[in-house]
Amino acid sequence: MILENLTDCEQLVMKTVWDAEEELSLMEIMQRVNSKYHKKWKPQTVSTFLARLVRKGYLRHYRQGRLFFYQILIPMDEYKGQLTSDYVNFWNHDNADEFLCALAQERPLRQDEIERIQTLIDGLGE
């Protein structure tokens, strides 16, 4: 499934929803976005981003009493997978090794990261 691209602001809102352990209302999302990302967004601003996320199929909303709550339709892992794939394809000529080399040159890999990568590589031969 090809996902629609998200703007930077939509990503902040969506990441806030993904990071929550429960479905959130508009006001809860606004408070968390403003706190975590140092924004001063008003309810109408966040509502606009949420409406776009609903239209793009990332969320659905439902009413409970006087509040609207937002439910995740696209899991974060699915979105991250597409972002990674698109990035590797565009910037690294669809070569995962170029991507990993670029990452390792940008910052040293921790030992636990190296071990997880090695485990993944070892599992590919099975």
PDB file of N, CA and C in Angstrom:
ATOM      1  N   MET A   1       0.837  -1.178   0.000  1.00  0.00           N
ATOM      2  CA  MET A   1       0.000   0.000   0.000  1.00  0.00           C
ATOM      3  C   MET A   1       0.883   1.243   0.000  1.00  0.00           C
ATOM      4  N   ILE A   2       0.660   2.119  -0.937  1.00  0.00           N
ATOM      5  CA  ILE A   2       1.413   3.369  -0.999  1.00  0.00           C
ATOM      6  C   ILE A   2       0.704   4.404  -0.114  1.00  0.00           C
ATOM      7  N   LEU A   3       1.442   4.944   0.828  1.00  0.00           N
ATOM      8  CA  LEU A   3       0.889   5.928   1.751  1.00  0.00           C
ATOM      9  C   LEU A   3       1.113   7.332   1.213  1.00  0.00           C
ATOM     10  N   GLU A   4       0.155   8.209   1.499  1.00  0.00           N
ATOM     11  CA  GLU A   4       0.327   9.611   1.118  1.00  0.00           C
ATOM     12  C   GLU A   4       1.408  10.230   1.994  1.00  0.00           C
ATOM     13  N   ASN A   5       2.182  11.133   1.404  1.00  0.00           N
ATOM     14  CA  ASN A   5       3.207  11.841   2.153  1.00  0.00           C
ATOM     15  C   ASN A   5       2.569  12.744   3.198  1.00  0.00           C
ATOM     16  N   LEU A   6       3.287  12.928   4.294  1.00  0.00           N
ATOM     17  CA  LEU A   6       2.843  13.822   5.348  1.00  0.00           C
ATOM     18  C   LEU A   6       3.735  15.052   5.390  1.00  0.00           C
ATOM     19  N   THR A   7       3.130  16.199   5.668  1.00  0.00           N
ATOM     20  CA  THR A   7       3.922  17.409   5.881  1.00  0.00           C
ATOM     21  C   THR A   7       4.642  17.280   7.224  1.00  0.00           C
ATOM     22  N   ASP A   8       5.592  18.158   7.474  1.00  0.00           N
ATOM     23  CA  ASP A   8       6.307  18.124   8.749  1.00  0.00           C
ATOM     24  C   ASP A   8       5.337  18.283   9.922  1.00  0.00           C
ATOM     25  N   CYS A   9       4.382  19.186   9.801  1.00  0.00           N
ATOM     26  CA  CYS A   9       3.413  19.406  10.879  1.00  0.00           C
ATOM     27  C   CYS A   9       2.508  18.194  11.072  1.00  0.00           C
ATOM     28  N   GLU A  10       2.085  17.592   9.982  1.00  0.00           N
ATOM     29  CA  GLU A  10       1.272  16.384  10.077  1.00  0.00           C
ATOM     30  C   GLU A  10       2.060  15.261  10.741  1.00  0.00           C
ATOM     31  N   GLN A  11       3.351  15.168  10.454  1.00  0.00           N
ATOM     32  CA  GLN A  11       4.188  14.146  11.085  1.00  0.00           C
ATOM     33  C   GLN A  11       4.261  14.359  12.596  1.00  0.00           C
ATOM     34  N   LEU A  12       4.378  15.604  13.038  1.00  0.00           N
ATOM     35  CA  LEU A  12       4.428  15.873  14.476  1.00  0.00           C
ATOM     36  C   LEU A  12       3.139  15.426  15.160  1.00  0.00           C
ATOM     37  N   VAL A  13       2.018  15.739  14.545  1.00  0.00           N
ATOM     38  CA  VAL A  13       0.731  15.345  15.116  1.00  0.00           C
ATOM     39  C   VAL A  13       0.599  13.824  15.099  1.00  0.00           C
ATOM     40  N   MET A  14       0.941  13.213  13.978  1.00  0.00           N
ATOM     41  CA  MET A  14       0.799  11.762  13.859  1.00  0.00           C
ATOM     42  C   MET A  14       1.732  11.049  14.829  1.00  0.00           C
ATOM     43  N   LYS A  15       2.961  11.527  14.978  1.00  0.00           N
ATOM     44  CA  LYS A  15       3.911  10.919  15.921  1.00  0.00           C
ATOM     45  C   LYS A  15       3.371  11.013  17.346  1.00  0.00           C
ATOM     46  N   THR A  16       2.730  12.110  17.667  1.00  0.00           N
ATOM     47  CA  THR A  16       2.121  12.281  18.987  1.00  0.00           C
ATOM     48  C   THR A  16       1.029  11.238  19.209  1.00  0.00           C
ATOM     49  N   VAL A  17       0.224  11.006  18.201  1.00  0.00           N
ATOM     50  CA  VAL A  17      -0.841  10.004  18.309  1.00  0.00           C
ATOM     51  C   VAL A  17      -0.233   8.605  18.403  1.00  0.00           C
ATOM     52  N   TRP A  18       0.773   8.320  17.574  1.00  0.00           N
ATOM     53  CA  TRP A  18       1.426   7.014  17.625  1.00  0.00           C
ATOM     54  C   TRP A  18       2.057   6.750  18.989  1.00  0.00           C
ATOM     55  N   ASP A  19       2.662   7.764  19.573  1.00  0.00           N
ATOM     56  CA  ASP A  19       3.362   7.588  20.845  1.00  0.00           C
ATOM     57  C   ASP A  19       2.421   7.400  22.033  1.00  0.00           C
ATOM     58  N   ALA A  20       1.172   7.759  21.874  1.00  0.00           N
ATOM     59  CA  ALA A  20       0.202   7.634  22.967  1.00  0.00           C
ATOM     60  C   ALA A  20      -0.163   6.167  23.172  1.00  0.00           C
ATOM     61  N   GLU A  21      -0.467   5.823  24.383  1.00  0.00           N
ATOM     62  CA  GLU A  21      -0.870   4.453  24.680  1.00  0.00           C
ATOM     63  C   GLU A  21      -2.385   4.282  24.625  1.00  0.00           C
ATOM     64  N   GLU A  22      -3.101   5.363  24.339  1.00  0.00           N
ATOM     65  CA  GLU A  22      -4.540   5.306  24.227  1.00  0.00           C
ATOM     66  C   GLU A  22      -5.000   6.290  23.162  1.00  0.00           C
ATOM     67  N   GLU A  23      -6.253   6.177  22.773  1.00  0.00           N
ATOM     68  CA  GLU A  23      -6.813   7.118  21.805  1.00  0.00           C
ATOM     69  C   GLU A  23      -6.975   8.469  22.495  1.00  0.00           C
ATOM     70  N   LEU A  24      -6.635   9.526  21.775  1.00  0.00           N
ATOM     71  CA  LEU A  24      -6.607  10.867  22.353  1.00  0.00           C
ATOM     72  C   LEU A  24      -7.689  11.756  21.754  1.00  0.00           C
ATOM     73  N   SER A  25      -8.087  12.746  22.528  1.00  0.00           N
ATOM     74  CA  SER A  25      -9.000  13.778  22.032  1.00  0.00           C
ATOM     75  C   SER A  25      -8.173  14.900  21.403  1.00  0.00           C
ATOM     76  N   LEU A  26      -8.854  15.788  20.721  1.00  0.00           N
ATOM     77  CA  LEU A  26      -8.192  16.950  20.105  1.00  0.00           C
ATOM     78  C   LEU A  26      -7.376  17.719  21.135  1.00  0.00           C
ATOM     79  N   MET A  27      -7.964  18.016  22.285  1.00  0.00           N
ATOM     80  CA  MET A  27      -7.266  18.814  23.293  1.00  0.00           C
ATOM     81  C   MET A  27      -6.040  18.086  23.840  1.00  0.00           C
ATOM     82  N   GLU A  28      -6.142  16.783  24.025  1.00  0.00           N
ATOM     83  CA  GLU A  28      -4.993  16.006  24.506  1.00  0.00           C
ATOM     84  C   GLU A  28      -3.871  16.014  23.477  1.00  0.00           C
ATOM     85  N   ILE A  29      -4.230  15.870  22.217  1.00  0.00           N
ATOM     86  CA  ILE A  29      -3.222  15.895  21.150  1.00  0.00           C
ATOM     87  C   ILE A  29      -2.559  17.258  21.110  1.00  0.00           C
ATOM     88  N   MET A  30      -3.360  18.325  21.166  1.00  0.00           N
ATOM     89  CA  MET A  30      -2.814  19.678  21.130  1.00  0.00           C
ATOM     90  C   MET A  30      -1.848  19.910  22.297  1.00  0.00           C
ATOM     91  N   GLN A  31      -2.237  19.514  23.489  1.00  0.00           N
ATOM     92  CA  GLN A  31      -1.383  19.708  24.659  1.00  0.00           C
ATOM     93  C   GLN A  31      -0.068  18.939  24.535  1.00  0.00           C
ATOM     94  N   ARG A  32      -0.138  17.709  24.051  1.00  0.00           N
ATOM     95  CA  ARG A  32       1.074  16.896  23.919  1.00  0.00           C
ATOM     96  C   ARG A  32       1.998  17.417  22.820  1.00  0.00           C
ATOM     97  N   VAL A  33       1.434  17.816  21.684  1.00  0.00           N
ATOM     98  CA  VAL A  33       2.254  18.380  20.600  1.00  0.00           C
ATOM     99  C   VAL A  33       2.939  19.651  21.080  1.00  0.00           C
ATOM    100  N   ASN A  34       2.175  20.532  21.704  1.00  0.00           N
ATOM    101  CA  ASN A  34       2.736  21.802  22.173  1.00  0.00           C
ATOM    102  C   ASN A  34       3.828  21.577  23.208  1.00  0.00           C
ATOM    103  N   SER A  35       3.620  20.629  24.101  1.00  0.00           N
ATOM    104  CA  SER A  35       4.598  20.362  25.148  1.00  0.00           C
ATOM    105  C   SER A  35       5.860  19.703  24.595  1.00  0.00           C
ATOM    106  N   LYS A  36       5.684  18.650  23.810  1.00  0.00           N
ATOM    107  CA  LYS A  36       6.839  17.877  23.329  1.00  0.00           C
ATOM    108  C   LYS A  36       7.646  18.612  22.273  1.00  0.00           C
ATOM    109  N   TYR A  37       6.958  19.325  21.383  1.00  0.00           N
ATOM    110  CA  TYR A  37       7.643  19.948  20.245  1.00  0.00           C
ATOM    111  C   TYR A  37       7.729  21.472  20.366  1.00  0.00           C
ATOM    112  N   HIS A  38       7.415  21.995  21.530  1.00  0.00           N
ATOM    113  CA  HIS A  38       7.548  23.428  21.826  1.00  0.00           C
ATOM    114  C   HIS A  38       6.781  24.291  20.827  1.00  0.00           C
ATOM    115  N   LYS A  39       5.560  23.902  20.567  1.00  0.00           N
ATOM    116  CA  LYS A  39       4.680  24.655  19.675  1.00  0.00           C
ATOM    117  C   LYS A  39       3.717  25.473  20.511  1.00  0.00           C
ATOM    118  N   LYS A  40       3.021  26.374  19.859  1.00  0.00           N
ATOM    119  CA  LYS A  40       1.964  27.165  20.501  1.00  0.00           C
ATOM    120  C   LYS A  40       0.707  27.075  19.647  1.00  0.00           C
ATOM    121  N   TRP A  41       0.429  25.879  19.174  1.00  0.00           N
ATOM    122  CA  TRP A  41      -0.707  25.668  18.292  1.00  0.00           C
ATOM    123  C   TRP A  41      -2.005  25.747  19.067  1.00  0.00           C
ATOM    124  N   LYS A  42      -3.004  26.309  18.427  1.00  0.00           N
ATOM    125  CA  LYS A  42      -4.346  26.418  18.985  1.00  0.00           C
ATOM    126  C   LYS A  42      -5.163  25.215  18.514  1.00  0.00           C
ATOM    127  N   PRO A  43      -6.310  24.965  19.162  1.00  0.00           N
ATOM    128  CA  PRO A  43      -7.129  23.811  18.770  1.00  0.00           C
ATOM    129  C   PRO A  43      -7.490  23.786  17.283  1.00  0.00           C
ATOM    130  N   GLN A  44      -7.781  24.941  16.704  1.00  0.00           N
ATOM    131  CA  GLN A  44      -8.161  24.974  15.290  1.00  0.00           C
ATOM    132  C   GLN A  44      -7.013  24.508  14.392  1.00  0.00           C
ATOM    133  N   THR A  45      -5.789  24.866  14.739  1.00  0.00           N
ATOM    134  CA  THR A  45      -4.622  24.455  13.959  1.00  0.00           C
ATOM    135  C   THR A  45      -4.460  22.937  13.998  1.00  0.00           C
ATOM    136  N   VAL A  46      -4.507  22.378  15.204  1.00  0.00           N
ATOM    137  CA  VAL A  46      -4.354  20.929  15.357  1.00  0.00           C
ATOM    138  C   VAL A  46      -5.522  20.212  14.692  1.00  0.00           C
ATOM    139  N   SER A  47      -6.715  20.775  14.814  1.00  0.00           N
ATOM    140  CA  SER A  47      -7.896  20.191  14.173  1.00  0.00           C
ATOM    141  C   SER A  47      -7.728  20.114  12.660  1.00  0.00           C
ATOM    142  N   THR A  48      -7.122  21.133  12.076  1.00  0.00           N
ATOM    143  CA  THR A  48      -6.868  21.130  10.632  1.00  0.00           C
ATOM    144  C   THR A  48      -5.922  19.991  10.255  1.00  0.00           C
ATOM    145  N   PHE A  49      -4.838  19.819  11.015  1.00  0.00           N
ATOM    146  CA  PHE A  49      -3.899  18.731  10.728  1.00  0.00           C
ATOM    147  C   PHE A  49      -4.567  17.368  10.919  1.00  0.00           C
ATOM    148  N   LEU A  50      -5.378  17.237  11.956  1.00  0.00           N
ATOM    149  CA  LEU A  50      -6.085  15.975  12.194  1.00  0.00           C
ATOM    150  C   LEU A  50      -7.056  15.665  11.063  1.00  0.00           C
ATOM    151  N   ALA A  51      -7.746  16.685  10.566  1.00  0.00           N
ATOM    152  CA  ALA A  51      -8.674  16.481   9.442  1.00  0.00           C
ATOM    153  C   ALA A  51      -7.918  15.989   8.207  1.00  0.00           C
ATOM    154  N   ARG A  52      -6.739  16.543   7.976  1.00  0.00           N
ATOM    155  CA  ARG A  52      -5.921  16.087   6.843  1.00  0.00           C
ATOM    156  C   ARG A  52      -5.480  14.635   7.033  1.00  0.00           C
ATOM    157  N   LEU A  53      -5.117  14.282   8.259  1.00  0.00           N
ATOM    158  CA  LEU A  53      -4.688  12.911   8.543  1.00  0.00           C
ATOM    159  C   LEU A  53      -5.846  11.932   8.387  1.00  0.00           C
ATOM    160  N   VAL A  54      -7.041  12.355   8.726  1.00  0.00           N
ATOM    161  CA  VAL A  54      -8.230  11.522   8.506  1.00  0.00           C
ATOM    162  C   VAL A  54      -8.460  11.363   7.004  1.00  0.00           C
ATOM    163  N   ARG A  55      -8.376  12.468   6.266  1.00  0.00           N
ATOM    164  CA  ARG A  55      -8.584  12.428   4.816  1.00  0.00           C
ATOM    165  C   ARG A  55      -7.544  11.561   4.111  1.00  0.00           C
ATOM    166  N   LYS A  56      -6.312  11.564   4.618  1.00  0.00           N
ATOM    167  CA  LYS A  56      -5.234  10.768   4.010  1.00  0.00           C
ATOM    168  C   LYS A  56      -5.273   9.308   4.450  1.00  0.00           C
ATOM    169  N   GLY A  57      -6.176   8.974   5.380  1.00  0.00           N
ATOM    170  CA  GLY A  57      -6.348   7.585   5.785  1.00  0.00           C
ATOM    171  C   GLY A  57      -5.464   7.113   6.925  1.00  0.00           C
ATOM    172  N   TYR A  58      -4.781   8.024   7.603  1.00  0.00           N
ATOM    173  CA  TYR A  58      -3.926   7.646   8.719  1.00  0.00           C
ATOM    174  C   TYR A  58      -4.718   7.460  10.014  1.00  0.00           C
ATOM    175  N   LEU A  59      -5.798   8.219  10.140  1.00  0.00           N
ATOM    176  CA  LEU A  59      -6.613   8.202  11.354  1.00  0.00           C
ATOM    177  C   LEU A  59      -8.083   8.117  10.989  1.00  0.00           C
ATOM    178  N   ARG A  60      -8.865   7.719  11.969  1.00  0.00           N
ATOM    179  CA  ARG A  60     -10.306   7.899  11.882  1.00  0.00           C
ATOM    180  C   ARG A  60     -10.731   8.554  13.182  1.00  0.00           C
ATOM    181  N   HIS A  61     -11.826   9.279  13.143  1.00  0.00           N
ATOM    182  CA  HIS A  61     -12.287   9.921  14.366  1.00  0.00           C
ATOM    183  C   HIS A  61     -13.698   9.449  14.693  1.00  0.00           C
ATOM    184  N   TYR A  62     -14.017   9.523  15.969  1.00  0.00           N
ATOM    185  CA  TYR A  62     -15.356   9.178  16.431  1.00  0.00           C
ATOM    186  C   TYR A  62     -15.703  10.091  17.601  1.00  0.00           C
ATOM    187  N   ARG A  63     -16.978  10.237  17.786  1.00  0.00           N
ATOM    188  CA  ARG A  63     -17.456  11.133  18.829  1.00  0.00           C
ATOM    189  C   ARG A  63     -17.849  10.307  20.052  1.00  0.00           C
ATOM    190  N   GLN A  64     -17.425  10.801  21.201  1.00  0.00           N
ATOM    191  CA  GLN A  64     -17.824  10.207  22.471  1.00  0.00           C
ATOM    192  C   GLN A  64     -18.266  11.365  23.361  1.00  0.00           C
ATOM    193  N   GLY A  65     -19.562  11.501  23.514  1.00  0.00           N
ATOM    194  CA  GLY A  65     -20.090  12.662  24.234  1.00  0.00           C
ATOM    195  C   GLY A  65     -19.837  13.914  23.416  1.00  0.00           C
ATOM    196  N   ARG A  66     -19.196  14.878  24.027  1.00  0.00           N
ATOM    197  CA  ARG A  66     -18.894  16.130  23.328  1.00  0.00           C
ATOM    198  C   ARG A  66     -17.508  16.143  22.692  1.00  0.00           C
ATOM    199  N   LEU A  67     -16.744  15.083  22.888  1.00  0.00           N
ATOM    200  CA  LEU A  67     -15.361  15.047  22.411  1.00  0.00           C
ATOM    201  C   LEU A  67     -15.204  14.134  21.200  1.00  0.00           C
ATOM    202  N   PHE A  68     -14.263  14.508  20.333  1.00  0.00           N
ATOM    203  CA  PHE A  68     -13.853  13.635  19.242  1.00  0.00           C
ATOM    204  C   PHE A  68     -12.541  12.975  19.646  1.00  0.00           C
ATOM    205  N   PHE A  69     -12.459  11.671  19.395  1.00  0.00           N
ATOM    206  CA  PHE A  69     -11.244  10.917  19.652  1.00  0.00           C
ATOM    207  C   PHE A  69     -10.707  10.402  18.317  1.00  0.00           C
ATOM    208  N   TYR A  70      -9.406  10.157  18.291  1.00  0.00           N
ATOM    209  CA  TYR A  70      -8.744   9.755  17.053  1.00  0.00           C
ATOM    210  C   TYR A  70      -8.128   8.376  17.213  1.00  0.00           C
ATOM    211  N   GLN A  71      -8.391   7.533  16.227  1.00  0.00           N
ATOM    212  CA  GLN A  71      -7.947   6.145  16.233  1.00  0.00           C
ATOM    213  C   GLN A  71      -6.975   5.926  15.073  1.00  0.00           C
ATOM    214  N   ILE A  72      -5.880   5.242  15.339  1.00  0.00           N
ATOM    215  CA  ILE A  72      -4.837   4.987  14.345  1.00  0.00           C
ATOM    216  C   ILE A  72      -5.314   3.939  13.338  1.00  0.00           C
ATOM    217  N   LEU A  73      -5.145   4.244  12.055  1.00  0.00           N
ATOM    218  CA  LEU A  73      -5.432   3.285  10.986  1.00  0.00           C
ATOM    219  C   LEU A  73      -4.150   2.763  10.337  1.00  0.00           C
ATOM    220  N   ILE A  74      -3.113   3.588  10.293  1.00  0.00           N
ATOM    221  CA  ILE A  74      -1.824   3.200   9.710  1.00  0.00           C
ATOM    222  C   ILE A  74      -0.814   3.089  10.852  1.00  0.00           C
ATOM    223  N   PRO A  75      -0.288   1.889  11.114  1.00  0.00           N
ATOM    224  CA  PRO A  75       0.687   1.738  12.188  1.00  0.00           C
ATOM    225  C   PRO A  75       1.991   2.497  11.880  1.00  0.00           C
ATOM    226  N   MET A  76       2.661   2.924  12.939  1.00  0.00           N
ATOM    227  CA  MET A  76       3.905   3.675  12.781  1.00  0.00           C
ATOM    228  C   MET A  76       4.947   2.859  12.025  1.00  0.00           C
ATOM    229  N   ASP A  77       5.041   1.561  12.288  1.00  0.00           N
ATOM    230  CA  ASP A  77       6.036   0.730  11.597  1.00  0.00           C
ATOM    231  C   ASP A  77       5.804   0.717  10.088  1.00  0.00           C
ATOM    232  N   GLU A  78       4.554   0.737   9.663  1.00  0.00           N
ATOM    233  CA  GLU A  78       4.253   0.765   8.230  1.00  0.00           C
ATOM    234  C   GLU A  78       4.725   2.083   7.608  1.00  0.00           C
ATOM    235  N   TYR A  79       4.482   3.192   8.301  1.00  0.00           N
ATOM    236  CA  TYR A  79       4.916   4.493   7.810  1.00  0.00           C
ATOM    237  C   TYR A  79       6.444   4.584   7.781  1.00  0.00           C
ATOM    238  N   LYS A  80       7.088   4.157   8.869  1.00  0.00           N
ATOM    239  CA  LYS A  80       8.551   4.191   8.920  1.00  0.00           C
ATOM    240  C   LYS A  80       9.162   3.319   7.835  1.00  0.00           C
ATOM    241  N   GLY A  81       8.545   2.165   7.579  1.00  0.00           N
ATOM    242  CA  GLY A  81       9.041   1.274   6.533  1.00  0.00           C
ATOM    243  C   GLY A  81       8.999   1.930   5.169  1.00  0.00           C
ATOM    244  N   GLN A  82       7.894   2.620   4.876  1.00  0.00           N
ATOM    245  CA  GLN A  82       7.803   3.294   3.587  1.00  0.00           C
ATOM    246  C   GLN A  82       8.792   4.449   3.493  1.00  0.00           C
ATOM    247  N   LEU A  83       8.927   5.226   4.578  1.00  0.00           N
ATOM    248  CA  LEU A  83       9.905   6.327   4.573  1.00  0.00           C
ATOM    249  C   LEU A  83      11.310   5.812   4.310  1.00  0.00           C
ATOM    250  N   THR A  84      11.672   4.738   4.996  1.00  0.00           N
ATOM    251  CA  THR A  84      13.005   4.155   4.831  1.00  0.00           C
ATOM    252  C   THR A  84      13.211   3.660   3.411  1.00  0.00           C
ATOM    253  N   SER A  85      12.229   2.948   2.900  1.00  0.00           N
ATOM    254  CA  SER A  85      12.321   2.418   1.540  1.00  0.00           C
ATOM    255  C   SER A  85      12.453   3.549   0.520  1.00  0.00           C
ATOM    256  N   ASP A  86      11.627   4.582   0.670  1.00  0.00           N
ATOM    257  CA  ASP A  86      11.693   5.725  -0.241  1.00  0.00           C
ATOM    258  C   ASP A  86      13.049   6.417  -0.164  1.00  0.00           C
ATOM    259  N   TYR A  87      13.563   6.568   1.060  1.00  0.00           N
ATOM    260  CA  TYR A  87      14.853   7.228   1.262  1.00  0.00           C
ATOM    261  C   TYR A  87      15.978   6.423   0.615  1.00  0.00           C
ATOM    262  N   VAL A  88      16.006   5.128   0.877  1.00  0.00           N
ATOM    263  CA  VAL A  88      17.057   4.274   0.317  1.00  0.00           C
ATOM    264  C   VAL A  88      16.975   4.277  -1.204  1.00  0.00           C
ATOM    265  N   ASN A  89      15.780   4.197  -1.727  1.00  0.00           N
ATOM    266  CA  ASN A  89      15.591   4.194  -3.174  1.00  0.00           C
ATOM    267  C   ASN A  89      16.068   5.502  -3.799  1.00  0.00           C
ATOM    268  N   PHE A  90      15.670   6.635  -3.231  1.00  0.00           N
ATOM    269  CA  PHE A  90      15.984   7.935  -3.825  1.00  0.00           C
ATOM    270  C   PHE A  90      17.446   8.338  -3.611  1.00  0.00           C
ATOM    271  N   TRP A  91      17.921   8.289  -2.371  1.00  0.00           N
ATOM    272  CA  TRP A  91      19.240   8.817  -2.039  1.00  0.00           C
ATOM    273  C   TRP A  91      20.364   7.802  -2.179  1.00  0.00           C
ATOM    274  N   ASN A  92      20.045   6.526  -2.122  1.00  0.00           N
ATOM    275  CA  ASN A  92      21.093   5.512  -2.139  1.00  0.00           C
ATOM    276  C   ASN A  92      20.938   4.537  -3.301  1.00  0.00           C
ATOM    277  N   HIS A  93      20.268   4.989  -4.350  1.00  0.00           N
ATOM    278  CA  HIS A  93      20.135   4.199  -5.576  1.00  0.00           C
ATOM    279  C   HIS A  93      19.593   2.792  -5.303  1.00  0.00           C
ATOM    280  N   ASP A  94      18.718   2.701  -4.317  1.00  0.00           N
ATOM    281  CA  ASP A  94      18.080   1.444  -3.913  1.00  0.00           C
ATOM    282  C   ASP A  94      19.089   0.429  -3.391  1.00  0.00           C
ATOM    283  N   ASN A  95      20.184   0.914  -2.822  1.00  0.00           N
ATOM    284  CA  ASN A  95      21.226   0.052  -2.254  1.00  0.00           C
ATOM    285  C   ASN A  95      21.246   0.214  -0.736  1.00  0.00           C
ATOM    286  N   ALA A  96      20.841  -0.832  -0.032  1.00  0.00           N
ATOM    287  CA  ALA A  96      20.820  -0.790   1.420  1.00  0.00           C
ATOM    288  C   ALA A  96      22.229  -0.638   1.999  1.00  0.00           C
ATOM    289  N   ASP A  97      23.218  -1.204   1.311  1.00  0.00           N
ATOM    290  CA  ASP A  97      24.586  -1.090   1.829  1.00  0.00           C
ATOM    291  C   ASP A  97      25.055   0.366   1.811  1.00  0.00           C
ATOM    292  N   GLU A  98      24.708   1.120   0.773  1.00  0.00           N
ATOM    293  CA  GLU A  98      25.060   2.549   0.738  1.00  0.00           C
ATOM    294  C   GLU A  98      24.404   3.285   1.905  1.00  0.00           C
ATOM    295  N   PHE A  99      23.156   2.923   2.172  1.00  0.00           N
ATOM    296  CA  PHE A  99      22.422   3.552   3.277  1.00  0.00           C
ATOM    297  C   PHE A  99      23.116   3.273   4.610  1.00  0.00           C
ATOM    298  N   LEU A 100      23.451   2.013   4.860  1.00  0.00           N
ATOM    299  CA  LEU A 100      24.106   1.658   6.124  1.00  0.00           C
ATOM    300  C   LEU A 100      25.491   2.302   6.245  1.00  0.00           C
ATOM    301  N   CYS A 101      26.220   2.359   5.146  1.00  0.00           N
ATOM    302  CA  CYS A 101      27.534   3.014   5.161  1.00  0.00           C
ATOM    303  C   CYS A 101      27.395   4.502   5.474  1.00  0.00           C
ATOM    304  N   ALA A 102      26.416   5.144   4.858  1.00  0.00           N
ATOM    305  CA  ALA A 102      26.182   6.571   5.116  1.00  0.00           C
ATOM    306  C   ALA A 102      25.794   6.792   6.576  1.00  0.00           C
ATOM    307  N   LEU A 103      24.978   5.922   7.109  1.00  0.00           N
ATOM    308  CA  LEU A 103      24.572   6.029   8.507  1.00  0.00           C
ATOM    309  C   LEU A 103      25.776   5.855   9.427  1.00  0.00           C
ATOM    310  N   ALA A 104      26.587   4.846   9.153  1.00  0.00           N
ATOM    311  CA  ALA A 104      27.764   4.581   9.988  1.00  0.00           C
ATOM    312  C   ALA A 104      28.788   5.710   9.905  1.00  0.00           C
ATOM    313  N   GLN A 105      28.863   6.385   8.756  1.00  0.00           N
ATOM    314  CA  GLN A 105      29.787   7.513   8.621  1.00  0.00           C
ATOM    315  C   GLN A 105      29.268   8.742   9.351  1.00  0.00           C
ATOM    316  N   GLU A 106      27.957   8.864   9.446  1.00  0.00           N
ATOM    317  CA  GLU A 106      27.348  10.023  10.111  1.00  0.00           C
ATOM    318  C   GLU A 106      27.520   9.963  11.621  1.00  0.00           C
ATOM    319  N   ARG A 107      27.354   8.777  12.169  1.00  0.00           N
ATOM    320  CA  ARG A 107      27.536   8.586  13.606  1.00  0.00           C
ATOM    321  C   ARG A 107      27.964   7.155  13.856  1.00  0.00           C
ATOM    322  N   PRO A 108      28.835   6.937  14.827  1.00  0.00           N
ATOM    323  CA  PRO A 108      29.281   5.569  15.115  1.00  0.00           C
ATOM    324  C   PRO A 108      28.102   4.703  15.568  1.00  0.00           C
ATOM    325  N   LEU A 109      28.075   3.482  15.075  1.00  0.00           N
ATOM    326  CA  LEU A 109      27.040   2.547  15.504  1.00  0.00           C
ATOM    327  C   LEU A 109      27.412   1.992  16.875  1.00  0.00           C
ATOM    328  N   ARG A 110      26.403   1.890  17.744  1.00  0.00           N
ATOM    329  CA  ARG A 110      26.619   1.287  19.061  1.00  0.00           C
ATOM    330  C   ARG A 110      26.775  -0.225  18.900  1.00  0.00           C
ATOM    331  N   GLN A 111      27.383  -0.857  19.880  1.00  0.00           N
ATOM    332  CA  GLN A 111      27.612  -2.298  19.824  1.00  0.00           C
ATOM    333  C   GLN A 111      26.294  -3.061  19.692  1.00  0.00           C
ATOM    334  N   ASP A 112      25.252  -2.640  20.409  1.00  0.00           N
ATOM    335  CA  ASP A 112      23.970  -3.341  20.323  1.00  0.00           C
ATOM    336  C   ASP A 112      23.359  -3.204  18.928  1.00  0.00           C
ATOM    337  N   GLU A 113      23.583  -2.067  18.278  1.00  0.00           N
ATOM    338  CA  GLU A 113      23.093  -1.880  16.910  1.00  0.00           C
ATOM    339  C   GLU A 113      23.837  -2.794  15.943  1.00  0.00           C
ATOM    340  N   ILE A 114      25.142  -2.876  16.114  1.00  0.00           N
ATOM    341  CA  ILE A 114      25.958  -3.748  15.262  1.00  0.00           C
ATOM    342  C   ILE A 114      25.500  -5.200  15.414  1.00  0.00           C
ATOM    343  N   GLU A 115      25.251  -5.615  16.648  1.00  0.00           N
ATOM    344  CA  GLU A 115      24.821  -6.992  16.897  1.00  0.00           C
ATOM    345  C   GLU A 115      23.455  -7.263  16.273  1.00  0.00           C
ATOM    346  N   ARG A 116      22.517  -6.310  16.367  1.00  0.00           N
ATOM    347  CA  ARG A 116      21.191  -6.493  15.758  1.00  0.00           C
ATOM    348  C   ARG A 116      21.296  -6.556  14.241  1.00  0.00           C
ATOM    349  N   ILE A 117      22.135  -5.712  13.652  1.00  0.00           N
ATOM    350  CA  ILE A 117      22.330  -5.735  12.196  1.00  0.00           C
ATOM    351  C   ILE A 117      22.951  -7.072  11.784  1.00  0.00           C
ATOM    352  N   GLN A 118      23.948  -7.515  12.538  1.00  0.00           N
ATOM    353  CA  GLN A 118      24.585  -8.793  12.219  1.00  0.00           C
ATOM    354  C   GLN A 118      23.592  -9.951  12.307  1.00  0.00           C
ATOM    355  N   THR A 119      22.739  -9.930  13.317  1.00  0.00           N
ATOM    356  CA  THR A 119      21.714 -10.969  13.466  1.00  0.00           C
ATOM    357  C   THR A 119      20.762 -10.954  12.258  1.00  0.00           C
ATOM    358  N   LEU A 120      20.380  -9.758  11.820  1.00  0.00           N
ATOM    359  CA  LEU A 120      19.514  -9.647  10.643  1.00  0.00           C
ATOM    360  C   LEU A 120      20.203 -10.206   9.399  1.00  0.00           C
ATOM    361  N   ILE A 121      21.476  -9.862   9.231  1.00  0.00           N
ATOM    362  CA  ILE A 121      22.226 -10.343   8.073  1.00  0.00           C
ATOM    363  C   ILE A 121      22.361 -11.863   8.122  1.00  0.00           C
ATOM    364  N   ASP A 122      22.690 -12.390   9.290  1.00  0.00           N
ATOM    365  CA  ASP A 122      22.823 -13.846   9.441  1.00  0.00           C
ATOM    366  C   ASP A 122      21.508 -14.543   9.127  1.00  0.00           C
ATOM    367  N   GLY A 123      20.400 -13.948   9.479  1.00  0.00           N
ATOM    368  CA  GLY A 123      19.081 -14.538   9.232  1.00  0.00           C
ATOM    369  C   GLY A 123      18.668 -14.524   7.771  1.00  0.00           C
ATOM    370  N   LEU A 124      19.289 -13.665   6.966  1.00  0.00           N
ATOM    371  CA  LEU A 124      18.947 -13.596   5.544  1.00  0.00           C
ATOM    372  C   LEU A 124      19.404 -14.830   4.788  1.00  0.00           C
ATOM    373  N   GLY A 125      20.451 -15.477   5.267  1.00  0.00           N
ATOM    374  CA  GLY A 125      20.984 -16.656   4.576  1.00  0.00           C
ATOM    375  C   GLY A 125      20.209 -17.916   4.860  1.00  0.00           C
ATOM    376  N   GLU A 126      19.268 -17.859   5.771  1.00  0.00           N
ATOM    377  CA  GLU A 126      18.513 -19.069   6.142  1.00  0.00           C
ATOM    378  C   GLU A 126      17.366 -19.328   5.202  1.00  0.00           C
TER     379      GLU A 126
END
